[in-house]
C-alpha atoms as a PDB file:
ATOM      1  CA  MET A   1     -47.398 125.440  30.685  1.00  0.00           C
ATOM      2  CA  ASN A   2     -48.434 121.928  29.798  1.00  0.00           C
ATOM      3  CA  ALA A   3     -50.884 121.354  26.993  1.00  0.00           C
ATOM      4  CA  THR A   4     -52.468 118.068  26.113  1.00  0.00           C
ATOM      5  CA  LEU A   5     -53.672 117.507  22.574  1.00  0.00           C
ATOM      6  CA  LYS A   6     -57.094 115.882  22.657  1.00  0.00           C
ATOM      7  CA  THR A   7     -58.216 116.464  19.088  1.00  0.00           C
ATOM      8  CA  ILE A   8     -56.645 116.105  15.682  1.00  0.00           C
ATOM      9  CA  PRO A   9     -55.559 119.523  14.368  1.00  0.00           C
ATOM     10  CA  THR A  10     -57.240 120.763  11.216  1.00  0.00           C
ATOM     11  CA  GLU A  11     -55.290 121.343   8.018  1.00  0.00           C
ATOM     12  CA  LYS A  12     -55.661 125.093   8.574  1.00  0.00           C
ATOM     13  CA  SER A  13     -54.193 124.753  12.087  1.00  0.00           C
ATOM     14  CA  LYS A  14     -51.278 122.718  10.725  1.00  0.00           C
ATOM     15  CA  MET A  15     -50.646 125.371   8.064  1.00  0.00           C
ATOM     16  CA  ILE A  16     -50.711 128.183  10.650  1.00  0.00           C
ATOM     17  CA  LEU A  17     -48.313 126.284  12.923  1.00  0.00           C
ATOM     18  CA  LYS A  18     -45.898 125.676  10.038  1.00  0.00           C
ATOM     19  CA  ILE A  19     -45.971 129.366   9.064  1.00  0.00           C
ATOM     20  CA  LEU A  20     -45.273 130.423  12.659  1.00  0.00           C
ATOM     21  CA  MET A  21     -42.448 127.903  13.045  1.00  0.00           C
ATOM     22  CA  ASP A  22     -40.894 129.052   9.756  1.00  0.00           C
ATOM     23  CA  ALA A  23     -41.111 132.702  10.859  1.00  0.00           C
ATOM     24  CA  VAL A  24     -39.417 131.927  14.189  1.00  0.00           C
ATOM     25  CA  ALA A  25     -36.690 129.870  12.505  1.00  0.00           C
ATOM     26  CA  GLU A  26     -36.049 132.664   9.998  1.00  0.00           C
ATOM     27  CA  THR A  27     -35.868 135.283  12.751  1.00  0.00           C
ATOM     28  CA  LEU A  28     -33.502 133.199  14.891  1.00  0.00           C
ATOM     29  CA  GLU A  29     -31.252 132.586  11.879  1.00  0.00           C
ATOM     30  CA  LYS A  30     -31.219 136.313  11.114  1.00  0.00           C
ATOM     31  CA  LYS A  31     -30.273 137.116  14.730  1.00  0.00           C
ATOM     32  CA  ARG A  32     -27.519 134.478  14.578  1.00  0.00           C
ATOM     33  CA  ARG A  33     -26.100 135.959  11.356  1.00  0.00           C
ATOM     34  CA  LEU A  34     -26.162 139.453  12.876  1.00  0.00           C
ATOM     35  CA  GLY A  35     -24.413 138.212  16.028  1.00  0.00           C
ATOM     36  CA  GLN A  36     -27.358 139.012  18.277  1.00  0.00           C
ATOM     37  CA  TYR A  37     -28.516 136.887  21.173  1.00  0.00           C
ATOM     38  CA  ALA A  38     -32.015 135.473  21.552  1.00  0.00           C
ATOM     39  CA  VAL A  39     -34.133 134.888  24.642  1.00  0.00           C
ATOM     40  CA  MET A  40     -35.823 131.472  24.733  1.00  0.00           C
ATOM     41  CA  TRP A  41     -37.817 129.453  27.228  1.00  0.00           C
ATOM     42  CA  ASP A  42     -36.130 126.268  28.502  1.00  0.00           C
ATOM     43  CA  GLY A  43     -39.261 124.886  30.172  1.00  0.00           C
ATOM     44  CA  LYS A  44     -38.563 126.449  33.549  1.00  0.00           C
ATOM     45  CA  LYS A  45     -37.207 129.938  32.924  1.00  0.00           C
ATOM     46  CA  PRO A  46     -36.088 132.267  30.132  1.00  0.00           C
ATOM     47  CA  VAL A  47     -32.516 131.766  28.924  1.00  0.00           C
ATOM     48  CA  GLN A  48     -30.338 133.955  26.727  1.00  0.00           C
ATOM     49  CA  LYS A  49     -28.451 132.234  23.933  1.00  0.00           C
ATOM     50  CA  GLY A  50     -25.875 133.635  21.574  1.00  0.00           C
ATOM     51  CA  ALA A  51     -22.331 134.937  21.475  1.00  0.00           C
ATOM     52  CA  ASP A  52     -23.189 138.333  22.938  1.00  0.00           C
ATOM     53  CA  ALA A  53     -25.731 137.126  25.520  1.00  0.00           C
ATOM     54  CA  PRO A  54     -25.388 138.844  28.881  1.00  0.00           C
ATOM     55  CA  THR A  55     -24.088 136.651  31.677  1.00  0.00           C
ATOM     56  CA  PRO A  56     -26.819 135.488  34.084  1.00  0.00           C
ATOM     57  CA  LYS A  57     -26.805 136.980  37.571  1.00  0.00           C
ATOM     58  CA  ASP A  58     -27.530 134.318  40.159  1.00  0.00           C
END
């Protein structure tokens, strides 16, 4: 998915984005502390990151 920003975001939009980013960062940190893996998007496909992440099957 490629998005192109054509307008300046409002202050409310900036606040919402910051809240969402903080929530994601907090959740990823919690998963890291608990030793859980996380599934993220690398731009092309989902990838699993973390110590206990299952090995990918090619």
